[in-house]
PDB file of N, CA and C in Angstrom:
ATOM      1  N   MET A   1     -39.252   9.206 -33.654  1.00  0.00           N
ATOM      2  CA  MET A   1     -39.573  10.146 -32.609  1.00  0.00           C
ATOM      3  C   MET A   1     -39.012  11.500 -32.986  1.00  0.00           C
ATOM      4  N   ASP A   2     -39.929  12.444 -33.285  1.00  0.00           N
ATOM      5  CA  ASP A   2     -39.523  13.769 -33.753  1.00  0.00           C
ATOM      6  C   ASP A   2     -38.715  14.567 -32.739  1.00  0.00           C
ATOM      7  N   GLU A   3     -39.042  14.401 -31.459  1.00  0.00           N
ATOM      8  CA  GLU A   3     -38.321  15.150 -30.428  1.00  0.00           C
ATOM      9  C   GLU A   3     -36.853  14.702 -30.367  1.00  0.00           C
ATOM     10  N   LEU A   4     -36.638  13.402 -30.491  1.00  0.00           N
ATOM     11  CA  LEU A   4     -35.265  12.909 -30.465  1.00  0.00           C
ATOM     12  C   LEU A   4     -34.513  13.392 -31.689  1.00  0.00           C
ATOM     13  N   ARG A   5     -35.157  13.385 -32.863  1.00  0.00           N
ATOM     14  CA  ARG A   5     -34.480  13.864 -34.058  1.00  0.00           C
ATOM     15  C   ARG A   5     -34.062  15.328 -33.925  1.00  0.00           C
ATOM     16  N   GLN A   6     -34.993  16.158 -33.391  1.00  0.00           N
ATOM     17  CA  GLN A   6     -34.662  17.588 -33.194  1.00  0.00           C
ATOM     18  C   GLN A   6     -33.543  17.760 -32.149  1.00  0.00           C
ATOM     19  N   THR A   7     -33.600  16.940 -31.087  1.00  0.00           N
ATOM     20  CA  THR A   7     -32.557  17.028 -30.064  1.00  0.00           C
ATOM     21  C   THR A   7     -31.206  16.655 -30.635  1.00  0.00           C
ATOM     22  N   GLU A   8     -31.175  15.629 -31.475  1.00  0.00           N
ATOM     23  CA  GLU A   8     -29.899  15.228 -32.122  1.00  0.00           C
ATOM     24  C   GLU A   8     -29.360  16.391 -32.987  1.00  0.00           C
ATOM     25  N   ILE A   9     -30.209  17.052 -33.721  1.00  0.00           N
ATOM     26  CA  ILE A   9     -29.801  18.201 -34.536  1.00  0.00           C
ATOM     27  C   ILE A   9     -29.296  19.311 -33.640  1.00  0.00           C
ATOM     28  N   ASP A  10     -29.985  19.563 -32.552  1.00  0.00           N
ATOM     29  CA  ASP A  10     -29.560  20.599 -31.596  1.00  0.00           C
ATOM     30  C   ASP A  10     -28.199  20.310 -30.962  1.00  0.00           C
ATOM     31  N   VAL A  11     -27.976  19.041 -30.632  1.00  0.00           N
ATOM     32  CA  VAL A  11     -26.688  18.628 -30.054  1.00  0.00           C
ATOM     33  C   VAL A  11     -25.574  18.869 -31.049  1.00  0.00           C
ATOM     34  N   VAL A  12     -25.759  18.455 -32.301  1.00  0.00           N
ATOM     35  CA  VAL A  12     -24.722  18.645 -33.329  1.00  0.00           C
ATOM     36  C   VAL A  12     -24.454  20.139 -33.542  1.00  0.00           C
ATOM     37  N   GLU A  13     -25.522  20.911 -33.662  1.00  0.00           N
ATOM     38  CA  GLU A  13     -25.360  22.340 -33.871  1.00  0.00           C
ATOM     39  C   GLU A  13     -24.683  23.006 -32.665  1.00  0.00           C
ATOM     40  N   GLY A  14     -25.016  22.580 -31.471  1.00  0.00           N
ATOM     41  CA  GLY A  14     -24.349  23.090 -30.258  1.00  0.00           C
ATOM     42  C   GLY A  14     -22.884  22.794 -30.251  1.00  0.00           C
ATOM     43  N   GLU A  15     -22.518  21.601 -30.682  1.00  0.00           N
ATOM     44  CA  GLU A  15     -21.075  21.232 -30.753  1.00  0.00           C
ATOM     45  C   GLU A  15     -20.337  22.120 -31.757  1.00  0.00           C
ATOM     46  N   ARG A  16     -21.005  22.395 -32.856  1.00  0.00           N
ATOM     47  CA  ARG A  16     -20.380  23.276 -33.869  1.00  0.00           C
ATOM     48  C   ARG A  16     -20.164  24.682 -33.330  1.00  0.00           C
ATOM     49  N   ARG A  17     -21.173  25.218 -32.655  1.00  0.00           N
ATOM     50  CA  ARG A  17     -21.047  26.563 -32.117  1.00  0.00           C
ATOM     51  C   ARG A  17     -20.021  26.608 -31.023  1.00  0.00           C
ATOM     52  N   LEU A  18     -19.936  25.571 -30.197  1.00  0.00           N
ATOM     53  CA  LEU A  18     -18.904  25.528 -29.144  1.00  0.00           C
ATOM     54  C   LEU A  18     -17.515  25.529 -29.767  1.00  0.00           C
ATOM     55  N   ALA A  19     -17.331  24.746 -30.796  1.00  0.00           N
ATOM     56  CA  ALA A  19     -16.012  24.699 -31.461  1.00  0.00           C
ATOM     57  C   ALA A  19     -15.646  26.051 -32.030  1.00  0.00           C
ATOM     58  N   GLU A  20     -16.582  26.764 -32.614  1.00  0.00           N
ATOM     59  CA  GLU A  20     -16.296  28.072 -33.161  1.00  0.00           C
ATOM     60  C   GLU A  20     -15.929  29.066 -32.050  1.00  0.00           C
ATOM     61  N   LYS A  21     -16.670  29.014 -30.922  1.00  0.00           N
ATOM     62  CA  LYS A  21     -16.375  29.907 -29.837  1.00  0.00           C
ATOM     63  C   LYS A  21     -15.074  29.590 -29.173  1.00  0.00           C
ATOM     64  N   GLU A  22     -14.733  28.310 -29.083  1.00  0.00           N
ATOM     65  CA  GLU A  22     -13.441  27.922 -28.515  1.00  0.00           C
ATOM     66  C   GLU A  22     -12.290  28.359 -29.395  1.00  0.00           C
ATOM     67  N   ALA A  23     -12.501  28.325 -30.717  1.00  0.00           N
ATOM     68  CA  ALA A  23     -11.504  28.790 -31.645  1.00  0.00           C
ATOM     69  C   ALA A  23     -11.267  30.301 -31.480  1.00  0.00           C
ATOM     70  N   LEU A  24     -12.369  31.029 -31.268  1.00  0.00           N
ATOM     71  CA  LEU A  24     -12.249  32.454 -31.046  1.00  0.00           C
ATOM     72  C   LEU A  24     -11.496  32.735 -29.741  1.00  0.00           C
ATOM     73  N   LEU A  25     -11.766  31.970 -28.718  1.00  0.00           N
ATOM     74  CA  LEU A  25     -11.056  32.148 -27.451  1.00  0.00           C
ATOM     75  C   LEU A  25      -9.555  31.939 -27.620  1.00  0.00           C
ATOM     76  N   ILE A  26      -9.192  30.938 -28.384  1.00  0.00           N
ATOM     77  CA  ILE A  26      -7.749  30.673 -28.649  1.00  0.00           C
ATOM     78  C   ILE A  26      -7.129  31.869 -29.402  1.00  0.00           C
ATOM     79  N   GLU A  27      -7.851  32.382 -30.402  1.00  0.00           N
ATOM     80  CA  GLU A  27      -7.348  33.546 -31.155  1.00  0.00           C
ATOM     81  C   GLU A  27      -7.143  34.721 -30.201  1.00  0.00           C
ATOM     82  N   LEU A  28      -8.115  34.999 -29.343  1.00  0.00           N
ATOM     83  CA  LEU A  28      -7.999  36.133 -28.454  1.00  0.00           C
ATOM     84  C   LEU A  28      -6.845  35.954 -27.498  1.00  0.00           C
ATOM     85  N   LYS A  29      -6.637  34.759 -27.025  1.00  0.00           N
ATOM     86  CA  LYS A  29      -5.516  34.523 -26.091  1.00  0.00           C
ATOM     87  C   LYS A  29      -4.178  34.714 -26.822  1.00  0.00           C
ATOM     88  N   GLN A  30      -4.115  34.275 -28.083  1.00  0.00           N
ATOM     89  CA  GLN A  30      -2.871  34.427 -28.822  1.00  0.00           C
ATOM     90  C   GLN A  30      -2.545  35.895 -29.073  1.00  0.00           C
ATOM     91  N   ARG A  31      -3.591  36.709 -29.141  1.00  0.00           N
ATOM     92  CA  ARG A  31      -3.403  38.144 -29.392  1.00  0.00           C
ATOM     93  C   ARG A  31      -3.343  38.941 -28.081  1.00  0.00           C
ATOM     94  N   ASN A  32      -3.347  38.187 -26.975  1.00  0.00           N
ATOM     95  CA  ASN A  32      -3.338  38.824 -25.627  1.00  0.00           C
ATOM     96  C   ASN A  32      -4.475  39.800 -25.453  1.00  0.00           C
ATOM     97  N   GLU A  33      -5.648  39.462 -25.978  1.00  0.00           N
ATOM     98  CA  GLU A  33      -6.836  40.318 -25.820  1.00  0.00           C
ATOM     99  C   GLU A  33      -7.665  39.808 -24.672  1.00  0.00           C
ATOM    100  N   ASP A  34      -8.599  40.650 -24.242  1.00  0.00           N
ATOM    101  CA  ASP A  34      -9.526  40.312 -23.129  1.00  0.00           C
ATOM    102  C   ASP A  34     -10.414  39.135 -23.541  1.00  0.00           C
ATOM    103  N   THR A  35     -10.439  38.110 -22.754  1.00  0.00           N
ATOM    104  CA  THR A  35     -11.198  36.894 -23.073  1.00  0.00           C
ATOM    105  C   THR A  35     -12.366  36.671 -22.142  1.00  0.00           C
ATOM    106  N   ARG A  36     -12.595  37.611 -21.222  1.00  0.00           N
ATOM    107  CA  ARG A  36     -13.627  37.391 -20.173  1.00  0.00           C
ATOM    108  C   ARG A  36     -15.013  37.208 -20.784  1.00  0.00           C
ATOM    109  N   ARG A  37     -15.375  38.003 -21.786  1.00  0.00           N
ATOM    110  CA  ARG A  37     -16.719  37.897 -22.327  1.00  0.00           C
ATOM    111  C   ARG A  37     -16.888  36.534 -23.021  1.00  0.00           C
ATOM    112  N   VAL A  38     -15.904  36.153 -23.790  1.00  0.00           N
ATOM    113  CA  VAL A  38     -15.989  34.859 -24.519  1.00  0.00           C
ATOM    114  C   VAL A  38     -15.975  33.693 -23.548  1.00  0.00           C
ATOM    115  N   GLU A  39     -15.186  33.786 -22.513  1.00  0.00           N
ATOM    116  CA  GLU A  39     -15.138  32.708 -21.519  1.00  0.00           C
ATOM    117  C   GLU A  39     -16.503  32.574 -20.820  1.00  0.00           C
ATOM    118  N   ALA A  40     -17.148  33.720 -20.510  1.00  0.00           N
ATOM    119  CA  ALA A  40     -18.477  33.673 -19.873  1.00  0.00           C
ATOM    120  C   ALA A  40     -19.485  33.063 -20.826  1.00  0.00           C
ATOM    121  N   GLU A  41     -19.423  33.460 -22.098  1.00  0.00           N
ATOM    122  CA  GLU A  41     -20.332  32.896 -23.092  1.00  0.00           C
ATOM    123  C   GLU A  41     -20.111  31.382 -23.218  1.00  0.00           C
ATOM    124  N   LEU A  42     -18.874  30.977 -23.241  1.00  0.00           N
ATOM    125  CA  LEU A  42     -18.549  29.560 -23.343  1.00  0.00           C
ATOM    126  C   LEU A  42     -19.089  28.766 -22.151  1.00  0.00           C
ATOM    127  N   ASP A  43     -19.019  29.363 -20.973  1.00  0.00           N
ATOM    128  CA  ASP A  43     -19.544  28.667 -19.778  1.00  0.00           C
ATOM    129  C   ASP A  43     -21.024  28.428 -19.950  1.00  0.00           C
ATOM    130  N   VAL A  44     -21.777  29.420 -20.387  1.00  0.00           N
ATOM    131  CA  VAL A  44     -23.209  29.262 -20.570  1.00  0.00           C
ATOM    132  C   VAL A  44     -23.469  28.247 -21.685  1.00  0.00           C
ATOM    133  N   MET A  45     -22.733  28.360 -22.775  1.00  0.00           N
ATOM    134  CA  MET A  45     -22.939  27.427 -23.915  1.00  0.00           C
ATOM    135  C   MET A  45     -22.651  25.993 -23.481  1.00  0.00           C
ATOM    136  N   ARG A  46     -21.623  25.768 -22.691  1.00  0.00           N
ATOM    137  CA  ARG A  46     -21.269  24.407 -22.245  1.00  0.00           C
ATOM    138  C   ARG A  46     -22.371  23.822 -21.364  1.00  0.00           C
ATOM    139  N   ARG A  47     -22.938  24.690 -20.474  1.00  0.00           N
ATOM    140  CA  ARG A  47     -24.036  24.193 -19.600  1.00  0.00           C
ATOM    141  C   ARG A  47     -25.259  23.883 -20.459  1.00  0.00           C
ATOM    142  N   ASN A  48     -25.553  24.736 -21.479  1.00  0.00           N
ATOM    143  CA  ASN A  48     -26.686  24.429 -22.344  1.00  0.00           C
ATOM    144  C   ASN A  48     -26.474  23.155 -23.143  1.00  0.00           C
ATOM    145  N   GLN A  49     -25.257  22.953 -23.572  1.00  0.00           N
ATOM    146  CA  GLN A  49     -24.928  21.717 -24.326  1.00  0.00           C
ATOM    147  C   GLN A  49     -25.101  20.503 -23.452  1.00  0.00           C
ATOM    148  N   LEU A  50     -24.686  20.608 -22.221  1.00  0.00           N
ATOM    149  CA  LEU A  50     -24.845  19.480 -21.280  1.00  0.00           C
ATOM    150  C   LEU A  50     -26.330  19.166 -21.073  1.00  0.00           C
ATOM    151  N   ASP A  51     -27.153  20.199 -20.993  1.00  0.00           N
ATOM    152  CA  ASP A  51     -28.611  19.999 -20.885  1.00  0.00           C
ATOM    153  C   ASP A  51     -29.137  19.292 -22.120  1.00  0.00           C
ATOM    154  N   ARG A  52     -28.699  19.691 -23.293  1.00  0.00           N
ATOM    155  CA  ARG A  52     -29.156  19.033 -24.538  1.00  0.00           C
ATOM    156  C   ARG A  52     -28.745  17.559 -24.587  1.00  0.00           C
ATOM    157  N   GLU A  53     -27.504  17.314 -24.157  1.00  0.00           N
ATOM    158  CA  GLU A  53     -27.013  15.938 -24.161  1.00  0.00           C
ATOM    159  C   GLU A  53     -27.760  15.079 -23.163  1.00  0.00           C
ATOM    160  N   ARG A  54     -28.075  15.640 -22.032  1.00  0.00           N
ATOM    161  CA  ARG A  54     -28.878  14.889 -21.009  1.00  0.00           C
ATOM    162  C   ARG A  54     -30.260  14.595 -21.545  1.00  0.00           C
ATOM    163  N   ASN A  55     -30.820  15.560 -22.239  1.00  0.00           N
ATOM    164  CA  ASN A  55     -32.179  15.352 -22.812  1.00  0.00           C
ATOM    165  C   ASN A  55     -32.131  14.262 -23.858  1.00  0.00           C
ATOM    166  N   ARG A  56     -31.057  14.273 -24.680  1.00  0.00           N
ATOM    167  CA  ARG A  56     -30.923  13.207 -25.674  1.00  0.00           C
ATOM    168  C   ARG A  56     -30.828  11.822 -25.007  1.00  0.00           C
ATOM    169  N   GLN A  57     -30.031  11.758 -23.932  1.00  0.00           N
ATOM    170  CA  GLN A  57     -29.924  10.474 -23.209  1.00  0.00           C
ATOM    171  C   GLN A  57     -31.231  10.038 -22.607  1.00  0.00           C
ATOM    172  N   ARG A  58     -31.998  11.003 -22.105  1.00  0.00           N
ATOM    173  CA  ARG A  58     -33.311  10.692 -21.544  1.00  0.00           C
ATOM    174  C   ARG A  58     -34.246  10.129 -22.633  1.00  0.00           C
ATOM    175  N   LEU A  59     -34.248  10.767 -23.775  1.00  0.00           N
ATOM    176  CA  LEU A  59     -35.089  10.292 -24.854  1.00  0.00           C
ATOM    177  C   LEU A  59     -34.670   8.928 -25.377  1.00  0.00           C
ATOM    178  N   LEU A  60     -33.337   8.723 -25.465  1.00  0.00           N
ATOM    179  CA  LEU A  60     -32.859   7.387 -25.877  1.00  0.00           C
ATOM    180  C   LEU A  60     -33.258   6.302 -24.876  1.00  0.00           C
ATOM    181  N   SER A  61     -33.203   6.665 -23.596  1.00  0.00           N
ATOM    182  CA  SER A  61     -33.553   5.658 -22.583  1.00  0.00           C
ATOM    183  C   SER A  61     -35.022   5.301 -22.631  1.00  0.00           C
ATOM    184  N   LEU A  62     -35.829   6.224 -23.104  1.00  0.00           N
ATOM    185  CA  LEU A  62     -37.284   5.948 -23.264  1.00  0.00           C
ATOM    186  C   LEU A  62     -37.509   4.924 -24.410  1.00  0.00           C
ATOM    187  N   LEU A  63     -36.656   5.013 -25.420  1.00  0.00           N
ATOM    188  CA  LEU A  63     -36.774   4.111 -26.573  1.00  0.00           C
ATOM    189  C   LEU A  63     -36.198   2.739 -26.254  1.00  0.00           C
ATOM    190  N   HIS A  64     -35.208   2.705 -25.410  1.00  0.00           N
ATOM    191  CA  HIS A  64     -34.530   1.410 -25.079  1.00  0.00           C
ATOM    192  C   HIS A  64     -34.462   1.273 -23.563  1.00  0.00           C
ATOM    193  N   PRO A  65     -35.571   0.948 -22.962  1.00  0.00           N
ATOM    194  CA  PRO A  65     -35.590   0.849 -21.465  1.00  0.00           C
ATOM    195  C   PRO A  65     -34.744  -0.304 -20.952  1.00  0.00           C
TER     196      PRO A  65
END
C-alpha cells in the first residue's frame, strides 16, 4: 500500500524534525534566549505529527481489521 509507505516515511521524518527543533529549544533555554517562536512552532509540529500518526494507525487498521 503506497499510501501507508509514504505515511511511514512522513512519520519518521516528522520525528526527526521534532527532535531537531526540541534540541534548538534546549539550546535557546540554556542561553536564556527568547523561546516563544520555537515553542509555537513545536506546538504546530507536534499536532501535525499526531495527525500523521493517527493516519498511519487508520491505514494499518484497514490492512488488519
